[in-house]
C-alpha atoms as a PDB file:
ATOM      1  CA  MET A   1       4.477 146.644 -42.483  1.00  0.00           C
ATOM      2  CA  THR A   2       4.975 150.505 -42.752  1.00  0.00           C
ATOM      3  CA  ILE A   3       2.987 153.528 -43.479  1.00  0.00           C
ATOM      4  CA  CYS A   4       2.546 155.187 -46.994  1.00  0.00           C
ATOM      5  CA  VAL A   5       1.898 158.952 -47.195  1.00  0.00           C
ATOM      6  CA  ILE A   6       0.598 160.436 -50.414  1.00  0.00           C
ATOM      7  CA  PRO A   7       0.922 164.272 -50.332  1.00  0.00           C
ATOM      8  CA  ALA A   8      -1.837 165.878 -52.580  1.00  0.00           C
ATOM      9  CA  ARG A   9      -2.472 169.598 -51.991  1.00  0.00           C
ATOM     10  CA  SER A  10      -5.215 171.353 -53.884  1.00  0.00           C
ATOM     11  CA  ASN A  11      -3.649 174.575 -55.250  1.00  0.00           C
ATOM     12  CA  SER A  12      -1.355 173.155 -57.944  1.00  0.00           C
ATOM     13  CA  LYS A  13      -0.363 176.206 -60.123  1.00  0.00           C
ATOM     14  CA  ARG A  14       0.483 174.981 -63.634  1.00  0.00           C
ATOM     15  CA  ILE A  15      -2.456 172.273 -63.788  1.00  0.00           C
ATOM     16  CA  LYS A  16      -5.602 173.137 -61.899  1.00  0.00           C
ATOM     17  CA  ASN A  17      -6.511 170.335 -59.640  1.00  0.00           C
ATOM     18  CA  LYS A  18      -3.692 168.239 -61.096  1.00  0.00           C
ATOM     19  CA  ASN A  19      -3.804 165.353 -58.406  1.00  0.00           C
ATOM     20  CA  ILE A  20      -7.559 164.463 -59.233  1.00  0.00           C
ATOM     21  CA  ILE A  21      -7.873 165.235 -63.035  1.00  0.00           C
ATOM     22  CA  ASN A  22      -9.303 162.567 -65.086  1.00  0.00           C
ATOM     23  CA  PHE A  23      -6.885 160.098 -66.444  1.00  0.00           C
ATOM     24  CA  PHE A  24      -8.409 157.206 -68.528  1.00  0.00           C
ATOM     25  CA  GLY A  25     -11.563 157.280 -66.340  1.00  0.00           C
ATOM     26  CA  LYS A  26      -9.891 157.666 -62.909  1.00  0.00           C
ATOM     27  CA  PRO A  27      -8.528 160.610 -60.883  1.00  0.00           C
ATOM     28  CA  LEU A  28      -4.662 160.729 -61.075  1.00  0.00           C
ATOM     29  CA  ILE A  29      -4.309 159.973 -57.509  1.00  0.00           C
ATOM     30  CA  TYR A  30      -6.008 156.723 -57.903  1.00  0.00           C
ATOM     31  CA  TYR A  31      -2.955 155.016 -59.567  1.00  0.00           C
ATOM     32  CA  SER A  32      -0.670 155.837 -56.685  1.00  0.00           C
ATOM     33  CA  ILE A  33      -3.294 154.502 -54.183  1.00  0.00           C
ATOM     34  CA  LYS A  34      -3.640 151.398 -56.238  1.00  0.00           C
ATOM     35  CA  ALA A  35      -0.018 150.794 -56.430  1.00  0.00           C
ATOM     36  CA  ALA A  36       0.448 151.260 -52.705  1.00  0.00           C
ATOM     37  CA  LYS A  37      -2.439 148.668 -52.052  1.00  0.00           C
ATOM     38  CA  LYS A  38      -1.158 146.029 -54.551  1.00  0.00           C
ATOM     39  CA  SER A  39       2.256 146.153 -52.913  1.00  0.00           C
ATOM     40  CA  ASN A  40       0.985 144.847 -49.511  1.00  0.00           C
ATOM     41  CA  LEU A  41       3.635 146.782 -47.759  1.00  0.00           C
ATOM     42  CA  PHE A  42       1.363 149.295 -45.847  1.00  0.00           C
ATOM     43  CA  LYS A  43      -0.763 148.915 -42.795  1.00  0.00           C
ATOM     44  CA  ARG A  44      -1.972 152.336 -43.495  1.00  0.00           C
ATOM     45  CA  ILE A  45      -2.129 154.495 -46.751  1.00  0.00           C
ATOM     46  CA  ILE A  46      -2.634 158.115 -45.679  1.00  0.00           C
ATOM     47  CA  VAL A  47      -3.358 160.962 -48.083  1.00  0.00           C
ATOM     48  CA  SER A  48      -2.221 164.316 -46.628  1.00  0.00           C
ATOM     49  CA  THR A  49      -4.228 167.151 -48.353  1.00  0.00           C
ATOM     50  CA  ASP A  50      -5.824 170.482 -47.531  1.00  0.00           C
ATOM     51  CA  SER A  51      -8.856 169.728 -49.764  1.00  0.00           C
ATOM     52  CA  GLU A  52     -12.092 167.989 -48.617  1.00  0.00           C
ATOM     53  CA  LYS A  53     -12.669 167.201 -52.441  1.00  0.00           C
ATOM     54  CA  ILE A  54      -9.271 165.350 -52.636  1.00  0.00           C
ATOM     55  CA  ALA A  55     -10.013 163.702 -49.298  1.00  0.00           C
ATOM     56  CA  ASN A  56     -13.349 162.359 -50.383  1.00  0.00           C
ATOM     57  CA  ILE A  57     -11.827 160.867 -53.516  1.00  0.00           C
ATOM     58  CA  ALA A  58      -8.868 159.356 -51.710  1.00  0.00           C
ATOM     59  CA  VAL A  59     -11.280 157.545 -49.213  1.00  0.00           C
ATOM     60  CA  LYS A  60     -13.388 156.278 -52.152  1.00  0.00           C
ATOM     61  CA  PHE A  61     -10.341 154.369 -53.512  1.00  0.00           C
ATOM     62  CA  GLY A  62      -9.212 153.071 -50.241  1.00  0.00           C
ATOM     63  CA  ALA A  63      -6.816 155.631 -48.557  1.00  0.00           C
ATOM     64  CA  GLU A  64      -7.226 157.263 -45.317  1.00  0.00           C
ATOM     65  CA  VAL A  65      -7.588 160.951 -44.491  1.00  0.00           C
ATOM     66  CA  PRO A  66      -7.505 161.325 -40.977  1.00  0.00           C
ATOM     67  CA  PHE A  67      -6.779 164.974 -40.851  1.00  0.00           C
ATOM     68  CA  LEU A  68      -6.755 167.962 -43.271  1.00  0.00           C
ATOM     69  CA  ARG A  69      -3.453 169.505 -43.816  1.00  0.00           C
ATOM     70  CA  SER A  70      -2.975 173.163 -42.678  1.00  0.00           C
ATOM     71  CA  LYS A  71      -2.869 176.014 -45.086  1.00  0.00           C
ATOM     72  CA  LYS A  72       0.658 176.805 -43.712  1.00  0.00           C
ATOM     73  CA  LEU A  73       1.911 173.459 -45.042  1.00  0.00           C
ATOM     74  CA  SER A  74       0.102 173.775 -48.386  1.00  0.00           C
ATOM     75  CA  ASN A  75       1.992 176.440 -50.282  1.00  0.00           C
ATOM     76  CA  ASP A  76       4.665 176.375 -52.949  1.00  0.00           C
ATOM     77  CA  PHE A  77       7.719 176.530 -50.601  1.00  0.00           C
ATOM     78  CA  VAL A  78       6.874 173.642 -48.265  1.00  0.00           C
ATOM     79  CA  THR A  79       9.094 170.597 -48.744  1.00  0.00           C
ATOM     80  CA  THR A  80       7.867 167.010 -49.070  1.00  0.00           C
ATOM     81  CA  THR A  81       9.905 166.332 -45.878  1.00  0.00           C
ATOM     82  CA  ASP A  82       7.866 168.921 -43.993  1.00  0.00           C
ATOM     83  CA  VAL A  83       4.690 167.252 -45.137  1.00  0.00           C
ATOM     84  CA  ILE A  84       5.866 163.779 -44.224  1.00  0.00           C
ATOM     85  CA  ARG A  85       6.979 164.948 -40.632  1.00  0.00           C
ATOM     86  CA  ASP A  86       3.718 166.881 -40.132  1.00  0.00           C
ATOM     87  CA  CYS A  87       1.693 163.576 -40.914  1.00  0.00           C
ATOM     88  CA  VAL A  88       3.937 161.415 -38.732  1.00  0.00           C
ATOM     89  CA  LYS A  89       3.059 163.863 -35.641  1.00  0.00           C
ATOM     90  CA  ASN A  90      -0.637 164.059 -36.702  1.00  0.00           C
ATOM     91  CA  ILE A  91      -1.129 160.175 -36.696  1.00  0.00           C
ATOM     92  CA  SER A  92       1.152 159.605 -34.030  1.00  0.00           C
ATOM     93  CA  SER A  93       3.255 157.064 -35.978  1.00  0.00           C
ATOM     94  CA  GLU A  94       6.658 158.014 -34.367  1.00  0.00           C
ATOM     95  CA  LYS A  95       7.324 154.421 -33.533  1.00  0.00           C
ATOM     96  CA  VAL A  96       6.942 152.980 -37.131  1.00  0.00           C
ATOM     97  CA  PRO A  97      10.404 152.436 -38.278  1.00  0.00           C
ATOM     98  CA  TYR A  98       9.791 153.609 -41.929  1.00  0.00           C
ATOM     99  CA  HIS A  99       7.473 156.053 -43.755  1.00  0.00           C
ATOM    100  CA  PHE A 100       6.944 155.886 -47.585  1.00  0.00           C
ATOM    101  CA  CYS A 101       6.246 159.028 -49.551  1.00  0.00           C
ATOM    102  CA  ILE A 102       4.599 158.210 -53.038  1.00  0.00           C
ATOM    103  CA  TYR A 103       3.620 161.216 -55.090  1.00  0.00           C
ATOM    104  CA  PRO A 104      -0.110 161.232 -56.457  1.00  0.00           C
ATOM    105  CA  THR A 105       1.265 161.724 -60.018  1.00  0.00           C
ATOM    106  CA  SER A 106       3.175 158.612 -59.803  1.00  0.00           C
ATOM    107  CA  ILE A 107       0.884 156.741 -62.343  1.00  0.00           C
ATOM    108  CA  PHE A 108       3.513 154.201 -63.689  1.00  0.00           C
ATOM    109  CA  ILE A 109       4.831 153.043 -60.169  1.00  0.00           C
ATOM    110  CA  LYS A 110       5.150 149.300 -59.837  1.00  0.00           C
ATOM    111  CA  LYS A 111       4.602 147.174 -56.770  1.00  0.00           C
ATOM    112  CA  LYS A 112       7.799 145.308 -57.364  1.00  0.00           C
ATOM    113  CA  ASP A 113       9.792 148.618 -57.335  1.00  0.00           C
ATOM    114  CA  LEU A 114       8.276 149.588 -53.979  1.00  0.00           C
ATOM    115  CA  ARG A 115       9.041 146.114 -52.508  1.00  0.00           C
ATOM    116  CA  ALA A 116      12.580 146.049 -53.765  1.00  0.00           C
ATOM    117  CA  ALA A 117      13.305 149.665 -52.579  1.00  0.00           C
ATOM    118  CA  PHE A 118      11.900 148.867 -49.193  1.00  0.00           C
ATOM    119  CA  LYS A 119      14.158 145.716 -49.037  1.00  0.00           C
ATOM    120  CA  LYS A 120      17.197 147.823 -49.926  1.00  0.00           C
ATOM    121  CA  ILE A 121      16.836 150.474 -47.396  1.00  0.00           C
ATOM    122  CA  LYS A 122      16.468 147.948 -44.671  1.00  0.00           C
ATOM    123  CA  LYS A 123      19.255 145.983 -45.909  1.00  0.00           C
ATOM    124  CA  THR A 124      21.550 149.019 -46.198  1.00  0.00           C
ATOM    125  CA  LYS A 125      20.419 150.712 -43.154  1.00  0.00           C
ATOM    126  CA  ASN A 126      20.287 154.086 -44.780  1.00  0.00           C
ATOM    127  CA  ASP A 127      18.292 157.048 -43.418  1.00  0.00           C
ATOM    128  CA  LEU A 128      16.598 158.015 -46.849  1.00  0.00           C
ATOM    129  CA  LEU A 129      15.973 156.295 -50.041  1.00  0.00           C
ATOM    130  CA  ILE A 130      15.366 158.354 -53.216  1.00  0.00           C
ATOM    131  CA  SER A 131      13.830 156.892 -56.479  1.00  0.00           C
ATOM    132  CA  VAL A 132      16.091 158.076 -59.264  1.00  0.00           C
ATOM    133  CA  SER A 133      16.751 157.553 -62.980  1.00  0.00           C
ATOM    134  CA  GLU A 134      19.814 158.339 -65.257  1.00  0.00           C
ATOM    135  CA  PHE A 135      19.945 161.386 -67.258  1.00  0.00           C
ATOM    136  CA  ASN A 136      19.162 160.807 -70.875  1.00  0.00           C
ATOM    137  CA  SER A 137      21.943 163.255 -71.768  1.00  0.00           C
ATOM    138  CA  SER A 138      24.668 163.940 -69.418  1.00  0.00           C
ATOM    139  CA  PRO A 139      24.775 167.331 -67.534  1.00  0.00           C
ATOM    140  CA  HIS A 140      28.584 167.026 -67.699  1.00  0.00           C
ATOM    141  CA  ARG A 141      28.304 168.341 -71.333  1.00  0.00           C
ATOM    142  CA  ALA A 142      25.686 171.019 -70.475  1.00  0.00           C
ATOM    143  CA  LEU A 143      25.920 174.335 -72.090  1.00  0.00           C
ATOM    144  CA  LYS A 144      25.268 177.734 -70.308  1.00  0.00           C
ATOM    145  CA  LEU A 145      24.508 181.178 -71.712  1.00  0.00           C
ATOM    146  CA  VAL A 146      27.450 183.408 -71.236  1.00  0.00           C
ATOM    147  CA  LYS A 147      26.719 186.787 -72.792  1.00  0.00           C
ATOM    148  CA  ASN A 148      25.744 188.500 -76.049  1.00  0.00           C
ATOM    149  CA  GLU A 149      23.837 185.283 -77.158  1.00  0.00           C
ATOM    150  CA  ARG A 150      26.886 183.048 -76.906  1.00  0.00           C
ATOM    151  CA  ILE A 151      27.033 179.729 -75.124  1.00  0.00           C
ATOM    152  CA  ASP A 152      29.795 177.709 -73.597  1.00  0.00           C
ATOM    153  CA  PHE A 153      30.272 174.376 -71.578  1.00  0.00           C
ATOM    154  CA  ILE A 154      29.442 174.715 -67.923  1.00  0.00           C
ATOM    155  CA  SER A 155      32.740 172.712 -67.418  1.00  0.00           C
ATOM    156  CA  HIS A 156      35.359 172.013 -70.076  1.00  0.00           C
ATOM    157  CA  LYS A 157      36.738 169.059 -68.064  1.00  0.00           C
ATOM    158  CA  TYR A 158      34.507 166.694 -70.223  1.00  0.00           C
ATOM    159  CA  ALA A 159      34.082 168.885 -73.221  1.00  0.00           C
ATOM    160  CA  ASN A 160      35.959 166.400 -75.464  1.00  0.00           C
ATOM    161  CA  SER A 161      34.917 163.208 -73.758  1.00  0.00           C
ATOM    162  CA  ARG A 162      32.691 160.539 -75.457  1.00  0.00           C
ATOM    163  CA  SER A 163      29.296 160.043 -74.024  1.00  0.00           C
ATOM    164  CA  GLN A 164      30.024 156.529 -72.882  1.00  0.00           C
ATOM    165  CA  ASP A 165      33.021 157.817 -70.929  1.00  0.00           C
ATOM    166  CA  LEU A 166      31.096 160.347 -68.821  1.00  0.00           C
ATOM    167  CA  PRO A 167      30.415 159.497 -65.111  1.00  0.00           C
ATOM    168  CA  VAL A 168      26.893 158.370 -64.663  1.00  0.00           C
ATOM    169  CA  LEU A 169      24.612 160.943 -62.967  1.00  0.00           C
ATOM    170  CA  PHE A 170      20.992 160.582 -61.678  1.00  0.00           C
ATOM    171  CA  HIS A 171      18.025 162.864 -61.109  1.00  0.00           C
ATOM    172  CA  ASP A 172      15.184 162.489 -58.773  1.00  0.00           C
ATOM    173  CA  ALA A 173      12.420 160.568 -60.487  1.00  0.00           C
ATOM    174  CA  GLY A 174       9.757 162.431 -58.612  1.00  0.00           C
ATOM    175  CA  SER A 175       8.185 159.013 -57.928  1.00  0.00           C
ATOM    176  CA  PHE A 176       8.613 157.917 -54.181  1.00  0.00           C
ATOM    177  CA  TYR A 177      10.918 158.198 -51.266  1.00  0.00           C
ATOM    178  CA  ILE A 178      11.441 155.974 -48.155  1.00  0.00           C
ATOM    179  CA  TYR A 179      12.298 157.808 -44.893  1.00  0.00           C
ATOM    180  CA  LYS A 180      13.723 155.955 -41.695  1.00  0.00           C
ATOM    181  CA  THR A 181      11.390 157.627 -39.163  1.00  0.00           C
ATOM    182  CA  ASP A 182      13.843 158.339 -36.344  1.00  0.00           C
ATOM    183  CA  SER A 183      16.194 160.236 -38.708  1.00  0.00           C
ATOM    184  CA  LEU A 184      13.320 162.043 -40.417  1.00  0.00           C
ATOM    185  CA  LEU A 185      12.168 163.417 -37.125  1.00  0.00           C
ATOM    186  CA  LYS A 186      15.592 164.493 -35.817  1.00  0.00           C
ATOM    187  CA  ARG A 187      17.366 166.027 -38.918  1.00  0.00           C
ATOM    188  CA  LYS A 188      17.593 169.592 -39.995  1.00  0.00           C
ATOM    189  CA  LYS A 189      19.311 169.109 -43.450  1.00  0.00           C
ATOM    190  CA  LYS A 190      17.176 168.252 -46.431  1.00  0.00           C
ATOM    191  CA  LEU A 191      19.491 165.350 -47.464  1.00  0.00           C
ATOM    192  CA  PRO A 192      21.097 163.129 -44.715  1.00  0.00           C
ATOM    193  CA  LYS A 193      24.664 161.694 -45.299  1.00  0.00           C
ATOM    194  CA  ARG A 194      23.154 158.109 -45.240  1.00  0.00           C
ATOM    195  CA  THR A 195      21.102 158.434 -48.387  1.00  0.00           C
ATOM    196  CA  THR A 196      20.742 155.739 -51.106  1.00  0.00           C
ATOM    197  CA  PHE A 197      18.808 155.295 -54.250  1.00  0.00           C
ATOM    198  CA  PHE A 198      16.474 152.932 -56.286  1.00  0.00           C
ATOM    199  CA  ASN A 199      17.086 153.336 -59.988  1.00  0.00           C
ATOM    200  CA  ILE A 200      13.735 153.248 -61.969  1.00  0.00           C
ATOM    201  CA  ASN A 201      13.385 152.088 -65.452  1.00  0.00           C
ATOM    202  CA  ARG A 202      12.644 155.170 -67.789  1.00  0.00           C
ATOM    203  CA  LEU A 203       9.286 153.765 -68.750  1.00  0.00           C
ATOM    204  CA  ASP A 204       8.142 153.497 -65.131  1.00  0.00           C
ATOM    205  CA  PHE A 205       7.828 157.177 -64.171  1.00  0.00           C
ATOM    206  CA  LEU A 206       7.042 160.697 -65.547  1.00  0.00           C
ATOM    207  CA  ASP A 207       7.269 163.769 -63.608  1.00  0.00           C
ATOM    208  CA  ILE A 208       4.065 165.546 -64.402  1.00  0.00           C
ATOM    209  CA  ASN A 209       4.187 169.337 -64.066  1.00  0.00           C
ATOM    210  CA  ASP A 210       2.273 170.889 -67.171  1.00  0.00           C
ATOM    211  CA  GLN A 211      -0.279 169.971 -69.855  1.00  0.00           C
ATOM    212  CA  VAL A 212       2.459 168.621 -72.266  1.00  0.00           C
ATOM    213  CA  ASP A 213       3.459 166.072 -69.493  1.00  0.00           C
ATOM    214  CA  ILE A 214      -0.149 164.992 -69.295  1.00  0.00           C
ATOM    215  CA  GLU A 215      -0.242 164.359 -73.156  1.00  0.00           C
ATOM    216  CA  LEU A 216       3.045 162.435 -72.818  1.00  0.00           C
ATOM    217  CA  ALA A 217       1.714 160.386 -69.915  1.00  0.00           C
ATOM    218  CA  LYS A 218      -1.256 159.281 -72.080  1.00  0.00           C
ATOM    219  CA  ILE A 219       1.010 157.955 -74.812  1.00  0.00           C
ATOM    220  CA  GLN A 220       3.268 156.234 -72.319  1.00  0.00           C
ATOM    221  CA  PHE A 221       0.141 154.732 -70.557  1.00  0.00           C
ATOM    222  CA  GLN A 222      -1.185 153.356 -73.781  1.00  0.00           C
ATOM    223  CA  TYR A 223       2.219 152.109 -74.935  1.00  0.00           C
ATOM    224  CA  LEU A 224       2.692 150.123 -71.532  1.00  0.00           C
ATOM    225  CA  LYS A 225      -0.841 148.780 -71.775  1.00  0.00           C
ATOM    226  CA  LYS A 226      -0.143 147.504 -75.225  1.00  0.00           C
ATOM    227  CA  ILE A 227       3.107 145.927 -74.213  1.00  0.00           C
ATOM    228  CA  LYS A 228       1.475 144.147 -71.231  1.00  0.00           C
ATOM    229  CA  LYS A 229      -1.351 142.883 -73.480  1.00  0.00           C
ATOM    230  CA  ASN A 230       1.169 141.430 -76.056  1.00  0.00           C
ATOM    231  CA  LYS A 231       3.274 139.504 -73.502  1.00  0.00           C
END
């Protein structure tokens, strides 16, 4: 058993109260709490927030809020690692081997992925696991603005390569992380050398940052619900 931390500050800029907006009758954060509970991995599910309103909602759906996060750790420049480290110290969980971070917008997260990812980091003995997904279109063929409204390849190395011949690249899925606690508390760098990944299906995540993402999430949610019903 380990500990799950869900970071949910109040002052999101692009979508007001993003973490608790109504999404098919439930606040957005409900879905992350629900997935964490269903995974049966966690002895504690902690929501780290600076908001009493978010705290009350989180507790209602089965999470704990043993402290309110300081304003100093609730601005746009604070890293997720800082927030998890702060939570570990606040709840005195330094001796718990691993801590999960699940984002409050991870509405498509699956319990089987959480379990498989946890199994992987323990087996590989890495210090950090990041949920990732492959790029839909390879950045190796990315274009940049040169000048005078002209564009060019960022690199000409792969300019004439077929898509299927390009090296596979991943991006952070913005869904969940798993930290090895002793490494988390000691390290200074953002990404330790011993970092591994868990590749998530494209339909099982959506990084929600603006209103367009919310509308896409609604479509994706209904589509997945339809698939599940027809199985």
